[in-house]
C-alpha cells in the first residue's frame, strides 16, 4: 500500500511538470530602419595639377603655370585681344582620384568638381606660407558629370573679374574672351588612356599618340612627389600615398579623371588654392591643393620705329606724340601684356648721318654736325577721360645706360617708376633736341631700346 502511494505521487509530480510547458504561438519581433536619403559619401584619394613650368617642388606653392601672353586683334571693331589659336589662354589639367563603397569602388559616382578660389591678400599670412594669400571666394569651377555612361565637362564663372576687368586699348573692354571648350577624360590603367599630360600642352591623344613627357598615372604620383595632395580611406583611416593610391588605380578600384580647364593670361600672379570633391547621392569632403600662376612682364608696342620726318638743320626740338590706342602705329603706345605691374626703361644710340656709327662721340671722326645725341621720352597712363594718372619724363643721351622712366617730382615721390599696369595701355611720347647746326643734309638713323621689367615689390606669386 505504501508503495502504491509513492508511485501515484511521482506520476502526479510528472504531470505538473508537463503542464508547465507553454503552448506554441506566433511571435512578434519589433523591426526598425532609418532612411536618410543618402548613400555613403565617396572620398577623394588624391589630386594634383599640371603643368609645372618652373619645376617647383615646394608643396606650399605648388606647380608653376606660365601665362600664355596675348596679342591684340587688329581686325576687331574695339580691338580686343584675340582668341586665335587659344591666344591668351593657358591650359591647366587637374587630376582627381576618387572612390566610393560600391562593388567596383566607382560605379555610383556621378559627379566631380574642381573649384579654384580667388586669392585675397592677407596681412596675417607670413612669408613662407602659401604665396602671401589666403583662399577666399570661388573664382571659377570646373564640373564633370556622368550621364548615361558618358562624362562631360562644364565651367562656371561666378566672378566677373575672371575676364578682363580693366579697359583695354582704346578705353574699351571689347568682346569677352571666351575660353576654349573645357573637357573631362577618364583614365583607366593598362588601356593606353592612363597617361598624365605633364606639360599640359593638349597631348596625349589617349591610345593613339603621346609625347615623351606623358607618363602613366601611377608613375606620375611618384614623380610629382609632394605636389600631390592625398586623402584618407574612411574605412581603414589610412592616409593614401603614391604607392597605395597607385596600387588602387592599377587594380581598377578608383575613378580617375583628367579635368581640362583654361586660365586667362591677366590673372594675378599668386598661389591659387583649389578644392576637389565628388558625389554619388552624397558629397565627399573637399581635398585641397594649390598651384601658382607665374608672374611675367611682357611688352607689346604698336610701333617698330620712330620717324621724326624731315627736320630743320638747326635748333632741333621735335616730338612724336603717342596715344593709348594700340591700333595707331604712328602714335606710340606700350602695353604690359603680362600679369605683373612693371616699369619701362629706355636706352638709345645717337642718330648718325646715314646710320654711320663713325660719327658717334667716340668714333674715328666725331663730327657734331653729323649726329643728334639728345632725346627724351614721356610715359603717361590716363583715366577714361584722358586725364593723366601717372606721368614721367626722362632725358637721355647717346651712349647712356638704360634709364627707368620715373614720375615727375612735382607732387610725387621723386625717382619712383611710372607704373606700367598689367593690361592697361600707356601713351609714350618721344622727342629729340639739339642746338647744333647741321650743314650736312641726309638721313640720320639710330636705335631706341625699350626694356620692361618687374615693378619693385611686385610679388611673383
Protein backbone atom coordinates (compact mmCIF):
# COMPACT_ATOMS: atom_id res chain seq x y z
CA UNK A 1 0.00 0.00 0.00
CA UNK A 2 2.76 2.35 0.82
CA UNK A 3 4.47 1.57 -2.48
CA UNK A 4 1.37 2.42 -4.46
CA UNK A 5 1.06 5.80 -2.81
CA UNK A 6 4.67 6.61 -3.76
CA UNK A 7 4.10 5.76 -7.42
CA UNK A 8 0.99 7.92 -7.61
CA UNK A 9 2.89 10.83 -6.08
CA UNK A 10 5.60 10.57 -8.73
CA UNK A 11 3.05 10.46 -11.51
CA UNK A 12 1.31 13.49 -10.12
CA UNK A 13 4.57 15.34 -9.91
CA UNK A 14 5.39 14.49 -13.51
CA UNK A 15 2.01 15.70 -14.62
CA UNK A 16 2.64 19.06 -13.02
CA UNK A 17 5.96 19.41 -14.82
CA UNK A 18 4.49 18.53 -18.21
CA UNK A 19 1.70 21.04 -17.86
CA UNK A 20 4.27 23.80 -17.27
CA UNK A 21 5.50 23.58 -20.92
CA UNK A 22 3.95 26.59 -22.80
CA UNK A 23 1.76 26.11 -25.79
CA UNK A 24 3.42 27.12 -29.14
CA UNK A 25 2.21 30.53 -30.56
CA UNK A 26 3.21 33.16 -33.22
CA UNK A 27 5.98 35.60 -32.11
CA UNK A 28 6.04 39.37 -32.90
CA UNK A 29 9.61 40.84 -33.38
CA UNK A 30 9.99 44.66 -33.46
CA UNK A 31 11.86 45.95 -36.64
CA UNK A 32 13.13 49.49 -37.26
CA UNK A 33 15.07 51.35 -40.01
CA UNK A 34 16.19 54.94 -40.59
CA UNK A 35 16.09 56.24 -44.18
CA UNK A 36 18.46 59.15 -44.63
CA UNK A 37 18.09 59.56 -48.40
CA UNK A 38 21.88 59.42 -48.79
CA UNK A 39 24.39 56.76 -49.65
CA UNK A 40 27.78 56.52 -48.02
CA UNK A 41 29.72 59.54 -49.36
CA UNK A 42 32.57 58.91 -51.78
CA UNK A 43 36.07 60.01 -50.83
CA UNK A 44 38.95 61.72 -52.64
CA UNK A 45 42.12 59.65 -52.80
CA UNK A 46 44.47 62.16 -54.46
CA UNK A 47 44.59 65.30 -56.58
CA UNK A 48 47.26 67.25 -58.45
CA UNK A 49 47.61 69.52 -61.48
CA UNK A 50 49.90 70.09 -64.44
CA UNK A 51 51.94 71.76 -65.90
CA UNK A 52 54.86 72.60 -63.65
CA UNK A 53 56.55 75.18 -65.86
CA UNK A 54 59.11 76.31 -63.29
CA UNK A 55 59.85 72.83 -61.88
CA UNK A 56 58.70 73.88 -58.43
CA UNK A 57 58.97 71.23 -55.70
CA UNK A 58 57.54 73.35 -52.89
CA UNK A 59 54.14 71.93 -51.87
CA UNK A 60 53.21 75.21 -50.17
CA UNK A 61 53.45 77.00 -53.52
CA UNK A 62 52.58 74.19 -55.90
CA UNK A 63 53.45 73.68 -59.56
CA UNK A 64 54.06 76.75 -61.68
CA UNK A 65 51.69 77.68 -64.50
CA UNK A 66 53.16 80.06 -67.09
CA UNK A 67 50.70 82.58 -68.57
CA UNK A 68 50.16 82.48 -72.30
CA UNK A 69 50.69 86.07 -73.45
CA UNK A 70 48.14 87.68 -75.70
CA UNK A 71 48.38 89.87 -78.77
CA UNK A 72 45.79 92.41 -79.89
CA UNK A 73 43.36 91.52 -82.62
CA UNK A 74 43.56 94.41 -85.06
CA UNK A 75 40.55 93.20 -87.06
CA UNK A 76 38.05 93.52 -84.20
CA UNK A 77 35.97 96.73 -84.02
CA UNK A 78 37.07 97.54 -80.48
CA UNK A 79 40.48 95.95 -80.95
CA UNK A 80 40.32 93.45 -78.06
CA UNK A 81 42.79 90.61 -77.56
CA UNK A 82 42.32 87.79 -80.00
CA UNK A 83 41.30 84.22 -79.22
CA UNK A 84 43.05 82.86 -82.31
CA UNK A 85 44.84 79.59 -81.57
CA UNK A 86 43.91 79.93 -77.87
CA UNK A 87 45.94 83.13 -77.69
CA UNK A 88 45.97 84.34 -74.10
CA UNK A 89 44.51 81.14 -72.64
CA UNK A 90 46.68 78.72 -70.67
CA UNK A 91 45.65 75.08 -70.44
CA UNK A 92 45.68 73.62 -66.92
CA UNK A 93 44.87 69.97 -66.19
CA UNK A 94 43.52 68.77 -62.86
CA UNK A 95 43.77 65.07 -61.98
CA UNK A 96 41.37 63.55 -59.47
CA UNK A 97 41.33 60.02 -58.00
CA UNK A 98 38.15 59.20 -56.11
CA UNK A 99 36.30 56.08 -54.87
CA UNK A 100 33.17 55.02 -53.02
CA UNK A 101 31.72 51.88 -51.39
CA UNK A 102 30.09 50.44 -54.50
CA UNK A 103 31.10 46.97 -55.63
CA UNK A 104 33.76 48.28 -58.03
CA UNK A 105 34.61 51.35 -55.91
CA UNK A 106 33.43 53.83 -58.57
CA UNK A 107 30.21 52.93 -60.41
CA UNK A 108 27.94 55.08 -58.23
CA UNK A 109 29.99 58.29 -58.58
CA UNK A 110 28.24 60.65 -60.98
CA UNK A 111 29.94 63.99 -60.42
CA UNK A 112 33.37 65.51 -59.68
CA UNK A 113 34.14 69.19 -59.28
CA UNK A 114 37.27 71.32 -59.05
CA UNK A 115 36.73 74.75 -57.50
CA UNK A 116 39.52 77.31 -57.89
CA UNK A 117 39.37 80.02 -55.23
CA UNK A 118 40.05 83.69 -55.86
CA UNK A 119 43.06 84.82 -53.81
CA UNK A 120 42.76 87.78 -51.46
CA UNK A 121 45.77 89.48 -49.93
CA UNK A 122 46.14 88.95 -46.19
CA UNK A 123 48.46 90.78 -43.84
CA UNK A 124 48.20 87.84 -41.44
CA UNK A 125 49.87 85.40 -43.82
CA UNK A 126 53.60 85.43 -43.28
CA UNK A 127 56.46 84.71 -45.64
CA UNK A 128 56.91 81.04 -46.38
CA UNK A 129 53.20 80.35 -46.42
CA UNK A 130 51.06 79.97 -49.49
CA UNK A 131 52.08 82.92 -51.59
CA UNK A 132 51.08 85.61 -49.05
CA UNK A 133 47.46 84.95 -49.94
CA UNK A 134 44.60 83.06 -48.34
CA UNK A 135 41.72 81.40 -50.22
CA UNK A 136 38.56 83.42 -50.49
CA UNK A 137 35.55 83.39 -52.77
CA UNK A 138 35.21 80.94 -55.61
CA UNK A 139 36.96 82.17 -58.75
CA UNK A 140 35.77 79.54 -61.18
CA UNK A 141 34.62 75.96 -61.09
CA UNK A 142 35.11 73.02 -63.43
CA UNK A 143 32.39 70.40 -63.13
CA UNK A 144 32.39 66.89 -64.58
CA UNK A 145 29.20 64.88 -64.64
CA UNK A 146 28.30 61.40 -65.83
CA UNK A 147 25.14 60.86 -67.82
CA UNK A 148 24.23 57.55 -69.46
CA UNK A 149 27.78 56.32 -69.12
CA UNK A 150 29.42 59.42 -70.64
CA UNK A 151 31.40 62.06 -68.75
CA UNK A 152 31.00 65.67 -69.82
CA UNK A 153 32.53 68.91 -68.53
CA UNK A 154 31.16 72.38 -67.92
CA UNK A 155 32.70 75.50 -66.44
CA UNK A 156 31.17 78.06 -64.11
CA UNK A 157 32.45 81.63 -63.67
CA UNK A 158 30.76 83.17 -60.64
CA UNK A 159 33.04 86.23 -60.61
CA UNK A 160 33.08 88.73 -63.46
CA UNK A 161 36.71 89.66 -62.93
CA UNK A 162 37.84 86.32 -64.26
CA UNK A 163 37.56 88.19 -67.53
CA UNK A 164 39.43 91.44 -68.23
CA UNK A 165 38.14 93.92 -65.68
CA UNK A 166 40.08 96.97 -66.83
CA UNK A 167 39.74 98.94 -70.07
CA UNK A 168 41.65 97.52 -72.99
CA UNK A 169 43.36 99.57 -75.60
CA UNK A 170 41.04 102.39 -76.77
CA UNK A 171 39.39 102.54 -73.32
CA UNK A 172 37.04 99.73 -74.34
CA UNK A 173 36.72 96.24 -72.99
CA UNK A 174 35.70 94.80 -76.32
CA UNK A 175 34.23 91.34 -76.57
CA UNK A 176 34.69 88.94 -73.67
CA UNK A 177 37.49 86.49 -74.16
CA UNK A 178 35.64 83.19 -74.29
CA UNK A 179 37.80 80.21 -73.30
CA UNK A 180 38.12 77.10 -75.43
CA UNK A 181 35.82 74.20 -74.56
CA UNK A 182 36.60 72.54 -71.25
CA UNK A 183 36.84 68.77 -71.22
CA UNK A 184 36.97 65.69 -69.00
CA UNK A 185 38.71 62.38 -69.65
CA UNK A 186 38.62 59.05 -67.81
CA UNK A 187 41.98 57.37 -67.13
CA UNK A 188 41.97 53.58 -66.95
CA UNK A 189 45.06 51.54 -66.05
CA UNK A 190 46.55 49.33 -68.75
CA UNK A 191 44.40 50.64 -71.60
CA UNK A 192 46.62 53.35 -73.07
CA UNK A 193 44.34 56.01 -71.57
CA UNK A 194 46.24 56.22 -68.27
CA UNK A 195 48.79 58.84 -69.38
CA UNK A 196 49.21 62.11 -67.49
CA UNK A 197 49.95 65.13 -69.68
CA UNK A 198 52.82 66.53 -67.65
CA UNK A 199 53.29 69.54 -69.96
CA UNK A 200 49.54 70.26 -70.21
CA UNK A 201 50.01 71.01 -73.89
CA UNK A 202 46.98 69.18 -75.23
CA UNK A 203 48.56 65.75 -75.58
CA UNK A 204 48.28 62.82 -75.10
CA UNK A 205 45.73 61.65 -77.57
CA UNK A 206 44.79 58.61 -75.46
CA UNK A 207 45.59 55.31 -77.06
CA UNK A 208 46.72 56.99 -80.29
CA UNK A 209 49.66 59.33 -79.76
CA UNK A 210 51.77 60.52 -76.86
CA UNK A 211 54.91 62.52 -76.12
CA UNK A 212 57.97 61.86 -74.01
CA UNK A 213 56.54 63.95 -71.17
CA UNK A 214 53.35 61.84 -70.97
CA UNK A 215 53.68 59.21 -68.24
CA UNK A 216 51.36 56.64 -66.60
CA UNK A 217 49.31 57.97 -63.71
CA UNK A 218 50.89 55.67 -61.11
CA UNK A 219 54.34 56.86 -62.22
CA UNK A 220 53.24 60.50 -62.13
CA UNK A 221 52.15 60.17 -58.49
CA UNK A 222 55.69 59.17 -57.58
CA UNK A 223 57.47 61.66 -59.83
CA UNK A 224 55.43 64.67 -58.73
CA UNK A 225 56.13 63.91 -55.08
CA UNK A 226 54.92 66.46 -52.55
CA UNK A 227 52.87 68.39 -55.11
CA UNK A 228 50.19 65.69 -54.85
CA UNK A 229 47.62 66.04 -52.05
CA UNK A 230 46.35 62.74 -50.62
CA UNK A 231 43.12 61.91 -48.81
CA UNK A 232 42.15 59.28 -46.25
CA UNK A 233 40.36 55.97 -46.64
CA UNK A 234 37.33 56.39 -44.34
CA UNK A 235 37.09 52.64 -43.73
CA UNK A 236 40.66 51.99 -42.66
CA UNK A 237 41.58 55.59 -41.72
CA UNK A 238 44.77 55.09 -43.69
CA UNK A 239 46.19 58.18 -45.38
CA UNK A 240 46.97 57.43 -49.02
CA UNK A 241 50.41 57.89 -50.53
CA UNK A 242 51.89 57.41 -54.00
CA UNK A 243 52.20 53.67 -53.56
CA UNK A 244 48.75 52.91 -52.13
CA UNK A 245 46.97 55.30 -54.49
CA UNK A 246 48.87 53.92 -57.47
CA UNK A 247 48.10 50.34 -56.46
CA UNK A 248 44.40 51.08 -56.11
CA UNK A 249 44.37 52.75 -59.52
CA UNK A 250 46.21 49.86 -61.19
CA UNK A 251 43.75 47.43 -59.59
CA UNK A 252 40.82 49.29 -61.18
CA UNK A 253 39.38 50.27 -57.79
CA UNK A 254 39.28 54.01 -58.35
CA UNK A 255 37.68 56.57 -60.65
CA UNK A 256 40.46 58.67 -62.19
CA UNK A 257 39.56 61.81 -64.13
CA UNK A 258 41.54 64.44 -66.02
CA UNK A 259 39.64 67.76 -66.00
CA UNK A 260 40.94 70.22 -68.59
CA UNK A 261 40.48 73.92 -67.91
CA UNK A 262 41.85 77.27 -69.09
CA UNK A 263 43.14 80.38 -67.30
CA UNK A 264 43.12 83.86 -68.86
CA UNK A 265 46.56 85.46 -69.09
CA UNK A 266 46.00 88.56 -66.97
CA UNK A 267 45.04 86.71 -63.78
CA UNK A 268 47.14 87.81 -60.76
CA UNK A 269 50.47 86.11 -60.26
CA UNK A 270 49.69 84.42 -56.96
CA UNK A 271 49.16 80.98 -55.46
CA UNK A 272 45.65 79.65 -56.00
CA UNK A 273 44.00 77.00 -53.87
CA UNK A 274 41.58 74.58 -55.43
CA UNK A 275 39.13 72.22 -53.74
CA UNK A 276 38.15 68.85 -55.20
CA UNK A 277 35.02 66.87 -54.32
CA UNK A 278 32.95 64.03 -55.76
CA UNK A 279 29.35 62.93 -55.37
CA UNK A 280 27.09 59.90 -55.77
CA UNK A 281 23.93 60.83 -53.88
CA UNK A 282 26.07 62.26 -51.11
CA UNK A 283 29.04 64.57 -51.46
CA UNK A 284 32.55 63.80 -50.33
CA UNK A 285 34.61 66.10 -48.16
CA UNK A 286 36.87 68.55 -50.01
CA UNK A 287 40.51 67.79 -50.67
CA UNK A 288 42.61 70.93 -51.21
CA UNK A 289 45.72 71.53 -53.27
CA UNK A 290 47.48 74.58 -54.77
CA UNK A 291 49.19 75.86 -57.90
CA UNK A 292 50.74 79.22 -58.64
CA UNK A 293 50.32 81.39 -61.70
CA UNK A 294 53.83 82.50 -62.59
CA UNK A 295 54.48 86.23 -62.75
CA UNK A 296 55.69 87.62 -66.05
CA UNK A 297 56.20 91.03 -67.58
CA UNK A 298 55.80 91.20 -71.33
CA UNK A 299 55.92 94.28 -73.54
CA UNK A 300 53.80 94.81 -76.61
CA UNK A 301 54.20 98.02 -78.64
CA UNK A 302 52.23 99.13 -81.66
CA UNK A 303 55.30 100.67 -83.30
CA UNK A 304 58.52 99.24 -84.67
CA UNK A 305 60.21 102.54 -85.50
CA UNK A 306 60.11 106.24 -84.67
CA UNK A 307 60.09 108.62 -87.63
CA UNK A 308 60.62 112.28 -86.95
CA UNK A 309 60.26 113.05 -90.64
CA UNK A 310 62.12 116.00 -92.15
CA UNK A 311 63.83 118.11 -89.51
CA UNK A 312 65.38 121.58 -89.64
CA UNK A 313 69.13 121.84 -89.78
CA UNK A 314 69.45 123.86 -86.60
CA UNK A 315 67.87 124.23 -83.14
CA UNK A 316 66.01 120.94 -83.30
CA UNK A 317 63.15 120.46 -80.84
CA UNK A 318 60.85 117.93 -82.42
CA UNK A 319 58.45 115.37 -80.95
CA UNK A 320 56.44 112.30 -81.93
CA UNK A 321 53.34 112.13 -79.70
CA UNK A 322 51.81 108.84 -78.62
CA UNK A 323 48.30 107.77 -77.63
CA UNK A 324 46.55 104.91 -75.80
CA UNK A 325 45.19 103.20 -78.90
CA UNK A 326 47.21 100.17 -79.98
CA UNK A 327 45.76 100.34 -83.49
CA UNK A 328 47.56 103.61 -84.39
CA UNK A 329 51.17 102.70 -85.09
CA UNK A 330 52.11 106.29 -85.92
CA UNK A 331 51.26 107.34 -82.35
CA UNK A 332 53.33 105.14 -80.00
CA UNK A 333 51.62 103.02 -77.35
CA UNK A 334 53.07 100.45 -74.96
CA UNK A 335 51.17 97.66 -73.24
CA UNK A 336 52.24 95.29 -70.47
CA UNK A 337 50.57 92.08 -71.62
CA UNK A 338 51.93 90.10 -68.68
CA UNK A 339 50.31 89.78 -65.26
CA UNK A 340 52.70 91.78 -63.06
CA UNK A 341 52.99 95.51 -62.63
CA UNK A 342 56.09 96.66 -64.47
CA UNK A 343 58.40 99.56 -65.23
CA UNK A 344 59.89 100.71 -68.51
CA UNK A 345 63.49 101.68 -69.20
CA UNK A 346 64.99 103.24 -72.30
CA UNK A 347 68.44 103.43 -73.87
CA UNK A 348 69.37 104.92 -77.25
CA UNK A 349 72.18 105.44 -79.66
CA UNK A 350 72.51 108.78 -81.37
CA UNK A 351 71.01 109.47 -84.77
CA UNK A 352 74.00 109.35 -87.15
CA UNK A 353 74.26 110.59 -90.70
CA UNK A 354 73.47 107.59 -92.91
CA UNK A 355 73.49 105.49 -89.74
CA UNK A 356 77.29 105.67 -89.69
CA UNK A 357 78.50 104.97 -86.16
CA UNK A 358 81.83 106.62 -87.02
CA UNK A 359 80.06 109.87 -86.20
CA UNK A 360 79.46 108.77 -82.61
CA UNK A 361 81.16 110.69 -79.83
CA UNK A 362 83.96 108.15 -79.60
CA UNK A 363 84.09 107.30 -83.27
CA UNK A 364 87.01 107.67 -85.61
CA UNK A 365 85.85 111.04 -86.95
CA UNK A 366 83.46 112.61 -84.42
CA UNK A 367 81.54 115.41 -86.03
CA UNK A 368 78.76 117.14 -84.05
CA UNK A 369 77.16 118.20 -87.28
CA UNK A 370 76.61 114.59 -88.25
CA UNK A 371 74.96 113.22 -85.11
CA UNK A 372 71.93 114.03 -82.94
CA UNK A 373 72.50 112.90 -79.38
CA UNK A 374 69.85 114.34 -77.04
CA UNK A 375 66.45 112.68 -76.53
CA UNK A 376 63.62 112.44 -74.05
CA UNK A 377 60.66 110.13 -73.52
CA UNK A 378 57.43 110.74 -71.65
CA UNK A 379 55.28 107.85 -70.45
CA UNK A 380 51.72 108.56 -69.30
CA UNK A 381 48.79 106.48 -68.08
CA UNK A 382 45.40 108.08 -68.35
CA UNK A 383 41.89 107.61 -67.00
CA UNK A 384 38.91 107.07 -69.37
CA UNK A 385 38.54 110.85 -69.68
CA UNK A 386 42.11 111.30 -70.86
CA UNK A 387 43.45 112.74 -67.61
CA UNK A 388 46.93 111.70 -66.54
CA UNK A 389 47.01 109.20 -63.71
CA UNK A 390 50.79 108.88 -63.84
CA UNK A 391 53.29 110.68 -65.99
CA UNK A 392 57.04 110.86 -66.12
CA UNK A 393 59.80 112.07 -68.42
CA UNK A 394 63.44 111.05 -68.72
CA UNK A 395 66.28 112.68 -70.65
CA UNK A 396 68.96 110.53 -72.19
CA UNK A 397 71.94 110.97 -74.45
CA UNK A 398 73.88 108.94 -76.94
CA UNK A 399 75.54 106.01 -75.18
CA UNK A 400 73.82 106.42 -71.79
CA UNK A 401 72.96 103.31 -69.84
CA UNK A 402 69.29 102.32 -69.82
CA UNK A 403 67.16 104.57 -67.61
CA UNK A 404 63.83 103.81 -65.97
CA UNK A 405 61.07 106.32 -66.70
CA UNK A 406 60.16 107.85 -63.35
CA UNK A 407 57.36 110.03 -62.07
CA UNK A 408 57.73 113.78 -62.31
CA UNK A 409 58.88 115.07 -58.91
CA UNK A 410 56.04 117.58 -58.57
CA UNK A 411 53.51 116.13 -56.14
CA UNK A 412 55.05 112.66 -56.33
CA UNK A 413 57.90 110.70 -54.84
CA UNK A 414 60.99 111.55 -56.87
CA UNK A 415 62.55 108.54 -58.53
CA UNK A 416 59.51 106.25 -58.28
CA UNK A 417 58.92 104.45 -61.59
CA UNK A 418 55.89 105.20 -63.68
CA UNK A 419 53.69 102.17 -63.12
CA UNK A 420 53.15 100.03 -66.19
CA UNK A 421 49.91 98.42 -65.05
CA UNK A 422 49.20 94.98 -66.48
CA UNK A 423 46.61 95.04 -69.27
CA UNK A 424 46.49 98.84 -69.48
CA UNK A 425 47.82 100.73 -72.48
CA UNK A 426 50.25 103.56 -71.86
CA UNK A 427 50.99 106.58 -74.03
CA UNK A 428 54.65 107.22 -74.80
CA UNK A 429 55.97 110.37 -76.49
CA UNK A 430 59.47 110.79 -77.94
CA UNK A 431 61.42 113.98 -78.56
CA UNK A 432 64.85 114.87 -79.84
CA UNK A 433 66.79 118.07 -79.26
CA UNK A 434 69.90 119.81 -80.49
CA UNK A 435 71.29 123.33 -80.71
CA UNK A 436 73.87 122.30 -83.30
CA UNK A 437 73.80 123.42 -86.91
CA UNK A 438 73.53 120.56 -89.39
CA UNK A 439 75.36 121.53 -92.56
CA UNK A 440 75.13 118.01 -93.95
CA UNK A 441 71.70 117.01 -95.17
CA UNK A 442 70.60 113.39 -95.40
CA UNK A 443 69.00 110.56 -93.47
CA UNK A 444 70.01 110.16 -89.83
CA UNK A 445 69.26 106.90 -88.04
CA UNK A 446 69.92 105.06 -84.81
CA UNK A 447 68.11 102.78 -82.34
CA UNK A 448 65.98 103.11 -79.25
CA UNK A 449 65.74 100.12 -76.90
CA UNK A 450 62.74 99.70 -74.61
CA UNK A 451 63.00 97.19 -71.78
CA UNK A 452 60.17 96.07 -69.50
CA UNK A 453 60.98 94.72 -66.04
CA UNK A 454 59.14 93.77 -62.87
CA UNK A 455 57.97 96.68 -60.80
CA UNK A 456 59.87 96.76 -57.47
CA UNK A 457 57.90 94.94 -54.81
CA UNK A 458 55.59 93.11 -57.21
CA UNK A 459 55.41 89.51 -55.96
CA UNK A 460 55.96 86.69 -58.47
CA UNK A 461 53.26 84.70 -56.59
